[in-house]
Amino acid sequence: MPDASPPLPRLSLPIEGMTCAACAGRVERALRKLPGVVEVQVNPATDRAEVLGSAGAAAMKQAVEAAGYGVGVARFDLAI
């Protein structure tokens, strides 16, 4: 019988303030501690964290900020 659960969301976060691999490690550890997070990949070269899980964007932002880094904000205006 196939699993009927919906796929977990994948979120890409722009991380501000990382300067090295150690920074990426701190961000990764902070995100992994969140309940619902299944997988985390942080790339210091692109300043992005890819997160698979159901922790929610607000919780992820708080975890990154608590680790001493920032999360970039993007704004889109769409004319319809």
Protein backbone atom coordinates (compact mmCIF):
# COMPACT_ATOMS: atom_id res chain seq x y z
CA MET A 1 0.00 0.00 0.00
CA PRO A 2 1.59 3.37 -0.99
CA ASP A 3 2.23 6.04 1.61
CA ALA A 4 -0.51 8.69 1.38
CA SER A 5 1.37 11.38 3.30
CA PRO A 6 2.13 14.58 1.37
CA PRO A 7 5.75 15.28 0.41
CA LEU A 8 7.75 17.42 2.82
CA PRO A 9 8.36 21.01 1.77
CA ARG A 10 11.84 22.09 0.66
CA LEU A 11 12.85 25.63 1.51
CA SER A 12 15.86 27.57 0.24
CA LEU A 13 17.02 30.28 2.64
CA PRO A 14 19.47 33.06 1.72
CA ILE A 15 21.88 33.26 4.68
CA GLU A 16 23.63 36.54 5.50
CA GLY A 17 26.90 36.82 7.38
CA MET A 18 28.57 33.48 6.62
CA THR A 19 32.26 33.84 5.85
CA CYS A 20 33.60 30.28 6.07
CA ALA A 21 32.81 26.58 6.36
CA ALA A 22 32.66 26.86 10.17
CA CYS A 23 29.86 29.43 9.79
CA ALA A 24 27.99 27.05 7.50
CA GLY A 25 28.40 24.31 10.11
CA ARG A 26 26.87 26.50 12.83
CA VAL A 27 23.89 27.36 10.63
CA GLU A 28 23.45 23.70 9.69
CA ARG A 29 23.51 22.54 13.32
CA ALA A 30 21.01 25.22 14.34
CA LEU A 31 18.58 24.17 11.61
CA ARG A 32 18.98 20.43 12.28
CA LYS A 33 17.85 20.94 15.89
CA LEU A 34 14.40 22.11 14.78
CA PRO A 35 11.57 19.58 15.10
CA GLY A 36 10.35 18.46 11.70
CA VAL A 37 13.63 19.10 9.86
CA VAL A 38 14.74 16.01 7.96
CA GLU A 39 17.69 17.25 5.89
CA VAL A 40 19.86 20.39 5.80
CA GLN A 41 22.54 21.43 3.32
CA VAL A 42 24.33 24.75 3.80
CA ASN A 43 26.59 26.10 1.07
CA PRO A 44 28.88 28.95 2.17
CA ALA A 45 29.87 29.66 -1.45
CA THR A 46 26.28 30.50 -2.44
CA ASP A 47 25.18 31.72 1.01
CA ARG A 48 22.15 29.43 0.93
CA ALA A 49 20.64 26.78 3.18
CA GLU A 50 18.44 24.10 1.62
CA VAL A 51 16.09 22.61 4.21
CA LEU A 52 13.76 19.64 3.82
CA GLY A 53 11.13 19.44 6.52
CA SER A 54 8.07 20.88 8.12
CA ALA A 55 9.59 23.23 10.71
CA GLY A 56 8.22 26.37 9.08
CA ALA A 57 10.00 29.42 7.72
CA ALA A 58 9.56 31.53 10.87
CA ALA A 59 11.16 28.87 13.09
CA MET A 60 14.03 28.44 10.64
CA LYS A 61 14.63 32.19 10.55
CA GLN A 62 14.71 32.34 14.35
CA ALA A 63 17.17 29.43 14.52
CA VAL A 64 19.52 31.05 12.01
CA GLU A 65 19.35 34.39 13.84
CA ALA A 66 19.97 32.68 17.20
CA ALA A 67 23.13 31.18 15.66
CA GLY A 68 24.32 34.72 14.87
CA TYR A 69 23.44 35.01 11.18
CA GLY A 70 20.69 36.62 9.14
CA VAL A 71 18.13 35.44 6.63
CA GLY A 72 17.73 37.56 3.53
CA VAL A 73 14.31 38.87 2.61
CA ALA A 74 12.95 39.06 -0.90
CA ARG A 75 9.98 41.07 -2.02
CA PHE A 76 8.08 40.50 -5.22
CA ASP A 77 5.48 42.77 -6.74
CA LEU A 78 3.33 41.08 -9.34
CA ALA A 79 1.04 43.02 -11.63
CA ILE A 80 -2.01 40.98 -12.49
